[in-house]
């Protein structure tokens, strides 16, 4: 029976794993307990799940979980990931995995040479629209993908957000938080191992919290622009009008995640809406992989570290005004303007 612990429950994405564990086909899992900086929060979720709330994270880790899920305050996740790895546990993390490149380097050093796995819940990979669009791209129908633009607006719902969310030292930045999904999706459609990365933010309030940001990366073959914001109008019928446009040498695809639609137009065929397959739940593949011990999660350790590094570099570029070079397999961030 796999044993799992939840370290940090401050973000609503804790529900990804809680919902998965509540499924009848997940009865093989044992939830050892839940810890959080806010004891009342840990108690609330533990009571709901019939589990135990732990006041101290280390006490929970000492109980011997095989897997740890991280969904706490963003600024605490790097520390918690290191603690879990040092306790010998595999890690499933909500994004962002951490809020600084130094933390990421330390996490990578901690996992190097071990048989542990770190997986990041990049849920857009499992959306039906992404799966359908990827099938078309892989078929070659669009030709070579040369341009990708995405938009990821969200409702802020400020009154429901905790204070830590607006603290730049805990939040880390809008690009590290939101653009990570679209940068990851872009690399599914146009794989690359190196890129020059830029970033910019706007709409900062008196606390330094930015409500709008753009990340761009240029690879050898593709230009990617990812716009994100906390500025979806409150009266909108969706939380965010998430979309992505793929421009290929022989056609285009318009992905409308919020509207459950993908439109494809090519040199040979007029615009058509793709039939959408069944999607995957955000934590489904991660728990499947740890449950049977044979199938690697859809987001591997290398993927989790590489895409986190890419998003953090874009955030650093936005904060510093300097371009950064991202390389999938290295820890070193190069300031392009200083070369």
Protein backbone atom coordinates (compact mmCIF):
# COMPACT_ATOMS: atom_id res chain seq x y z
CA UNK A 1 0.00 0.00 0.00
CA UNK A 2 1.69 3.26 -1.09
CA UNK A 3 1.93 5.82 1.70
CA UNK A 4 1.50 9.49 0.84
CA UNK A 5 1.81 12.70 2.86
CA UNK A 6 0.60 16.18 1.97
CA UNK A 7 3.07 18.87 2.98
CA UNK A 8 1.41 22.26 2.60
CA UNK A 9 -2.25 22.78 1.77
CA UNK A 10 -2.35 26.57 1.38
CA UNK A 11 -3.23 26.52 -2.32
CA UNK A 12 -6.50 25.25 -3.74
CA UNK A 13 -4.57 22.84 -5.99
CA UNK A 14 -4.26 20.59 -2.95
CA UNK A 15 -7.62 19.36 -4.23
CA UNK A 16 -5.91 17.69 -7.20
CA UNK A 17 -4.49 14.96 -4.97
CA UNK A 18 -7.28 14.96 -2.38
CA UNK A 19 -9.85 14.34 -5.11
CA UNK A 20 -7.69 11.59 -6.59
CA UNK A 21 -7.25 9.86 -3.23
CA UNK A 22 -11.02 9.96 -2.66
CA UNK A 23 -11.68 7.89 -5.77
CA UNK A 24 -12.74 4.26 -5.18
CA UNK A 25 -9.89 3.01 -7.38
CA UNK A 26 -7.33 4.75 -5.14
CA UNK A 27 -8.12 2.77 -2.00
CA UNK A 28 -4.68 1.18 -2.16
CA UNK A 29 -3.19 4.49 -1.00
CA UNK A 30 -2.70 5.42 2.65
CA UNK A 31 -2.77 9.12 3.50
CA UNK A 32 -0.42 9.41 6.47
CA UNK A 33 -1.29 13.00 7.26
CA UNK A 34 -1.34 16.64 6.29
CA UNK A 35 0.84 19.50 7.53
CA UNK A 36 0.70 23.21 6.87
CA UNK A 37 2.10 26.44 8.29
CA UNK A 38 -1.51 27.15 9.29
CA UNK A 39 -2.49 24.38 11.76
CA UNK A 40 -6.21 25.10 11.31
CA UNK A 41 -5.91 24.48 7.59
CA UNK A 42 -4.16 21.17 8.13
CA UNK A 43 -6.81 20.18 10.65
CA UNK A 44 -9.65 21.03 8.28
CA UNK A 45 -8.31 18.94 5.41
CA UNK A 46 -7.24 16.09 7.69
CA UNK A 47 -10.71 15.87 9.22
CA UNK A 48 -12.29 15.81 5.80
CA UNK A 49 -10.01 12.97 4.67
CA UNK A 50 -10.17 11.01 7.92
CA UNK A 51 -6.45 11.51 8.36
CA UNK A 52 -4.09 13.19 10.84
CA UNK A 53 -2.96 16.82 11.01
CA UNK A 54 0.70 17.33 11.87
CA UNK A 55 1.94 20.52 13.50
CA UNK A 56 5.50 19.86 12.31
CA UNK A 57 6.40 18.82 8.78
CA UNK A 58 9.40 16.80 9.93
CA UNK A 59 7.21 14.70 12.19
CA UNK A 60 5.05 13.86 9.18
CA UNK A 61 8.11 12.99 7.10
CA UNK A 62 9.41 10.81 9.94
CA UNK A 63 6.23 8.73 9.56
CA UNK A 64 7.78 7.33 6.38
CA UNK A 65 5.78 8.41 3.34
CA UNK A 66 6.87 6.98 0.02
CA UNK A 67 5.44 10.00 -1.78
CA UNK A 68 4.99 13.63 -0.68
CA UNK A 69 2.66 16.10 -2.37
CA UNK A 70 3.52 19.81 -2.09
CA UNK A 71 0.72 22.38 -2.27
CA UNK A 72 1.73 24.95 0.34
CA UNK A 73 2.71 28.57 0.13
CA UNK A 74 4.91 29.09 -2.89
CA UNK A 75 7.80 30.51 -0.88
CA UNK A 76 7.86 27.38 1.31
CA UNK A 77 7.83 24.77 -1.42
CA UNK A 78 11.54 24.73 -2.17
CA UNK A 79 12.31 24.08 1.49
CA UNK A 80 9.62 21.42 1.70
CA UNK A 81 10.82 19.68 -1.48
CA UNK A 82 14.32 19.44 -0.05
CA UNK A 83 13.02 18.06 3.25
CA UNK A 84 10.95 15.41 1.44
CA UNK A 85 13.83 14.33 -0.79
CA UNK A 86 16.20 14.13 2.16
CA UNK A 87 13.64 11.95 3.91
CA UNK A 88 13.81 9.55 0.95
CA UNK A 89 10.39 10.33 -0.51
CA UNK A 90 9.35 10.84 -4.10
CA UNK A 91 7.86 14.29 -4.70
CA UNK A 92 4.73 15.40 -6.54
CA UNK A 93 4.58 19.19 -6.67
CA UNK A 94 1.96 21.68 -7.65
CA UNK A 95 3.50 24.53 -9.59
CA UNK A 96 5.57 26.49 -8.86
CA UNK A 97 8.02 23.95 -7.49
CA UNK A 98 10.00 26.78 -5.90
CA UNK A 99 10.48 30.53 -6.25
CA UNK A 100 14.22 30.95 -6.84
CA UNK A 101 16.93 29.52 -9.07
CA UNK A 102 19.15 28.91 -6.04
CA UNK A 103 16.44 26.72 -4.50
CA UNK A 104 16.05 24.86 -7.78
CA UNK A 105 19.78 24.18 -7.97
CA UNK A 106 19.71 22.81 -4.42
CA UNK A 107 16.74 20.57 -5.26
CA UNK A 108 18.54 19.24 -8.31
CA UNK A 109 21.66 18.49 -6.28
CA UNK A 110 19.55 16.71 -3.66
CA UNK A 111 17.95 14.38 -6.21
CA UNK A 112 21.06 13.73 -8.33
CA UNK A 113 22.35 10.20 -7.85
CA UNK A 114 19.21 8.96 -6.13
CA UNK A 115 16.40 6.74 -7.40
CA UNK A 116 13.82 9.32 -6.37
CA UNK A 117 11.38 10.97 -8.77
CA UNK A 118 10.18 14.56 -8.78
CA UNK A 119 7.10 15.28 -10.88
CA UNK A 120 5.35 18.59 -11.48
CA UNK A 121 1.59 18.72 -12.05
CA UNK A 122 1.50 20.40 -15.45
CA UNK A 123 -2.18 19.80 -16.00
CA UNK A 124 -2.45 21.42 -19.43
CA UNK A 125 -0.59 18.39 -20.79
CA UNK A 126 -3.62 16.27 -19.96
CA UNK A 127 -6.33 18.58 -21.30
CA UNK A 128 -8.31 17.05 -24.19
CA UNK A 129 -7.54 20.08 -26.37
CA UNK A 130 -3.78 19.69 -25.86
CA UNK A 131 -3.88 15.98 -26.65
CA UNK A 132 -5.87 16.58 -29.84
CA UNK A 133 -3.64 19.43 -31.02
CA UNK A 134 -0.48 17.46 -30.28
CA UNK A 135 -1.72 14.59 -32.44
CA UNK A 136 -2.15 16.98 -35.38
CA UNK A 137 1.27 18.56 -34.83
CA UNK A 138 2.96 15.15 -34.56
CA UNK A 139 1.29 14.03 -37.80
CA UNK A 140 3.12 16.82 -39.65
CA UNK A 141 -0.11 18.31 -40.98
CA UNK A 142 0.88 21.81 -39.81
CA UNK A 143 4.44 21.53 -41.08
CA UNK A 144 7.17 22.97 -38.87
CA UNK A 145 5.93 25.05 -35.94
CA UNK A 146 7.59 28.46 -36.16
CA UNK A 147 5.40 30.61 -33.93
CA UNK A 148 3.41 30.04 -30.75
CA UNK A 149 1.40 32.67 -28.91
CA UNK A 150 -0.66 32.04 -25.80
CA UNK A 151 -2.86 33.97 -23.43
CA UNK A 152 -3.49 32.90 -19.85
CA UNK A 153 -5.67 35.44 -18.04
CA UNK A 154 -7.15 34.58 -14.63
CA UNK A 155 -9.65 36.14 -12.26
CA UNK A 156 -7.84 37.50 -9.25
CA UNK A 157 -10.71 37.05 -6.78
CA UNK A 158 -8.65 39.19 -4.42
CA UNK A 159 -10.98 38.97 -1.44
CA UNK A 160 -10.61 35.19 -1.38
CA UNK A 161 -6.80 35.21 -1.65
CA UNK A 162 -4.67 34.87 1.50
CA UNK A 163 -2.23 37.64 2.41
CA UNK A 164 0.83 35.56 1.51
CA UNK A 165 -0.32 35.43 -2.13
CA UNK A 166 0.33 39.17 -2.52
CA UNK A 167 3.73 39.09 -0.79
CA UNK A 168 6.44 38.98 -3.50
CA UNK A 169 8.78 37.09 -1.16
CA UNK A 170 6.19 34.30 -0.84
CA UNK A 171 4.53 34.48 -4.26
CA UNK A 172 7.68 34.63 -6.39
CA UNK A 173 6.13 36.29 -9.44
CA UNK A 174 3.35 35.99 -11.99
CA UNK A 175 5.54 34.43 -14.67
CA UNK A 176 6.88 31.71 -12.39
CA UNK A 177 3.33 31.02 -11.24
CA UNK A 178 1.26 31.18 -14.44
CA UNK A 179 3.45 31.21 -17.55
CA UNK A 180 5.06 27.90 -16.61
CA UNK A 181 2.03 26.05 -18.04
CA UNK A 182 2.11 27.69 -21.46
CA UNK A 183 5.89 27.54 -21.77
CA UNK A 184 5.68 23.83 -21.04
CA UNK A 185 2.87 23.34 -23.56
CA UNK A 186 4.87 25.26 -26.17
CA UNK A 187 7.78 22.87 -25.72
CA UNK A 188 5.44 19.93 -26.31
CA UNK A 189 4.47 21.35 -29.69
CA UNK A 190 7.96 22.61 -30.62
CA UNK A 191 10.62 20.77 -28.58
CA UNK A 192 13.86 22.61 -27.85
CA UNK A 193 16.84 22.25 -25.54
CA UNK A 194 18.01 25.86 -25.52
CA UNK A 195 16.45 29.30 -25.84
CA UNK A 196 16.97 32.98 -25.22
CA UNK A 197 14.37 34.13 -22.70
CA UNK A 198 12.87 37.56 -22.04
CA UNK A 199 10.23 38.71 -19.61
CA UNK A 200 8.28 41.80 -18.61
CA UNK A 201 5.65 42.64 -16.02
CA UNK A 202 3.21 45.50 -15.49
CA UNK A 203 0.41 46.55 -13.19
CA UNK A 204 2.35 46.32 -9.93
CA UNK A 205 0.51 47.43 -6.81
CA UNK A 206 1.97 49.05 -3.70
CA UNK A 207 3.18 45.66 -2.45
CA UNK A 208 5.04 44.90 -5.67
CA UNK A 209 2.47 42.32 -6.81
CA UNK A 210 2.27 42.39 -10.63
CA UNK A 211 -1.04 41.58 -12.29
CA UNK A 212 0.26 41.30 -15.88
CA UNK A 213 3.26 39.59 -17.39
CA UNK A 214 4.75 38.35 -20.66
CA UNK A 215 7.41 35.71 -21.19
CA UNK A 216 9.06 35.15 -24.56
CA UNK A 217 11.58 32.61 -25.71
CA UNK A 218 13.34 32.15 -29.00
CA UNK A 219 14.68 28.73 -29.90
CA UNK A 220 16.52 27.71 -33.05
CA UNK A 221 13.22 27.20 -34.85
CA UNK A 222 10.37 28.82 -32.92
CA UNK A 223 9.36 32.10 -31.30
CA UNK A 224 7.07 31.70 -28.28
CA UNK A 225 5.14 34.46 -26.53
CA UNK A 226 3.18 33.69 -23.36
CA UNK A 227 0.96 36.41 -21.92
CA UNK A 228 -0.47 35.90 -18.42
CA UNK A 229 -2.49 38.06 -16.08
CA UNK A 230 -4.74 38.32 -13.06
CA UNK A 231 -7.04 40.61 -15.02
CA UNK A 232 -9.94 38.53 -16.29
CA UNK A 233 -13.00 40.76 -15.72
CA UNK A 234 -15.07 39.58 -12.80
CA UNK A 235 -18.21 39.36 -14.96
CA UNK A 236 -16.57 36.90 -17.37
CA UNK A 237 -18.29 33.53 -17.70
CA UNK A 238 -14.93 31.75 -17.40
CA UNK A 239 -12.08 32.00 -14.91
CA UNK A 240 -9.72 32.66 -17.79
CA UNK A 241 -9.96 32.73 -21.58
CA UNK A 242 -7.01 30.35 -21.93
CA UNK A 243 -5.87 29.92 -25.52
CA UNK A 244 -2.87 29.17 -27.72
CA UNK A 245 -2.18 29.66 -31.42
CA UNK A 246 0.24 27.41 -33.27
CA UNK A 247 1.63 28.75 -36.55
CA UNK A 248 3.18 26.16 -38.83
CA UNK A 249 4.68 26.28 -42.29
CA UNK A 250 1.61 24.46 -43.66
CA UNK A 251 -1.18 25.38 -41.30
CA UNK A 252 -2.39 26.78 -37.99
CA UNK A 253 -4.16 25.49 -34.90
CA UNK A 254 -6.21 27.59 -32.50
CA UNK A 255 -6.51 25.98 -29.07
CA UNK A 256 -9.33 27.33 -26.90
CA UNK A 257 -8.90 25.54 -23.59
CA UNK A 258 -11.63 27.55 -21.88
CA UNK A 259 -14.12 26.75 -24.66
CA UNK A 260 -13.20 23.07 -25.22
CA UNK A 261 -12.34 23.65 -28.86
CA UNK A 262 -9.43 23.27 -31.29
CA UNK A 263 -9.70 24.70 -34.81
CA UNK A 264 -7.22 23.61 -37.47
CA UNK A 265 -6.69 25.18 -40.89
CA UNK A 266 -4.12 23.94 -43.41
CA UNK A 267 -3.02 24.50 -46.99
CA UNK A 268 -5.07 21.48 -48.07
CA UNK A 269 -8.13 21.64 -45.78
CA UNK A 270 -10.44 24.44 -44.63
CA UNK A 271 -10.96 25.19 -40.96
CA UNK A 272 -12.28 22.26 -38.97
CA UNK A 273 -12.95 21.64 -35.28
CA UNK A 274 -11.12 18.62 -33.94
CA UNK A 275 -12.88 15.83 -32.09
CA UNK A 276 -11.58 15.86 -28.55
CA UNK A 277 -10.40 12.74 -26.75
CA UNK A 278 -10.84 11.99 -23.07
CA UNK A 279 -8.47 14.04 -20.96
CA UNK A 280 -6.44 13.14 -17.90
CA UNK A 281 -7.06 14.39 -14.38
CA UNK A 282 -4.28 16.63 -13.02
CA UNK A 283 -2.84 14.07 -10.55
CA UNK A 284 -3.97 10.93 -12.34
CA UNK A 285 -0.74 9.97 -14.11
CA UNK A 286 1.47 10.89 -11.15
CA UNK A 287 -0.40 8.61 -8.77
CA UNK A 288 -0.66 5.88 -11.40
CA UNK A 289 3.11 5.88 -11.85
CA UNK A 290 3.88 5.64 -8.16
CA UNK A 291 1.13 3.08 -7.61
CA UNK A 292 2.45 0.46 -10.01
CA UNK A 293 6.10 1.49 -9.86
CA UNK A 294 6.69 0.75 -13.52
CA UNK A 295 5.35 3.58 -15.66
CA UNK A 296 7.19 6.91 -15.29
CA UNK A 297 5.00 9.96 -14.69
CA UNK A 298 4.14 12.11 -17.70
CA UNK A 299 6.26 14.88 -16.16
CA UNK A 300 9.67 13.38 -15.38
CA UNK A 301 12.24 14.74 -12.97
CA UNK A 302 14.16 16.26 -15.87
CA UNK A 303 10.95 17.87 -17.19
CA UNK A 304 10.03 19.32 -13.80
CA UNK A 305 13.44 20.87 -13.27
CA UNK A 306 13.83 22.13 -16.83
CA UNK A 307 10.43 23.83 -17.09
CA UNK A 308 10.73 25.31 -13.60
CA UNK A 309 14.12 26.73 -14.56
CA UNK A 310 12.68 28.19 -17.76
CA UNK A 311 9.85 29.96 -15.93
CA UNK A 312 12.17 31.25 -13.19
CA UNK A 313 14.60 32.58 -15.79
CA UNK A 314 11.74 34.40 -17.53
CA UNK A 315 10.73 35.86 -14.16
CA UNK A 316 14.33 36.93 -13.49
CA UNK A 317 14.49 38.50 -16.95
CA UNK A 318 11.33 40.46 -16.15
CA UNK A 319 12.66 41.61 -12.78
CA UNK A 320 16.15 42.51 -14.06
CA UNK A 321 15.42 43.75 -17.56
CA UNK A 322 18.07 41.39 -18.96
CA UNK A 323 17.68 38.52 -21.41
CA UNK A 324 18.57 35.05 -20.12
CA UNK A 325 19.77 31.92 -21.85
CA UNK A 326 18.01 28.71 -20.90
CA UNK A 327 19.56 25.33 -21.52
CA UNK A 328 17.61 22.23 -20.57
CA UNK A 329 20.52 20.34 -19.06
CA UNK A 330 22.48 22.98 -17.15
CA UNK A 331 21.98 24.85 -13.90
CA UNK A 332 23.78 27.96 -15.14
CA UNK A 333 21.73 31.02 -16.07
CA UNK A 334 23.55 33.34 -18.47
CA UNK A 335 22.69 37.02 -18.53
CA UNK A 336 22.79 37.73 -22.26
CA UNK A 337 23.41 41.44 -21.78
CA UNK A 338 26.55 40.80 -19.77
CA UNK A 339 28.20 38.50 -22.31
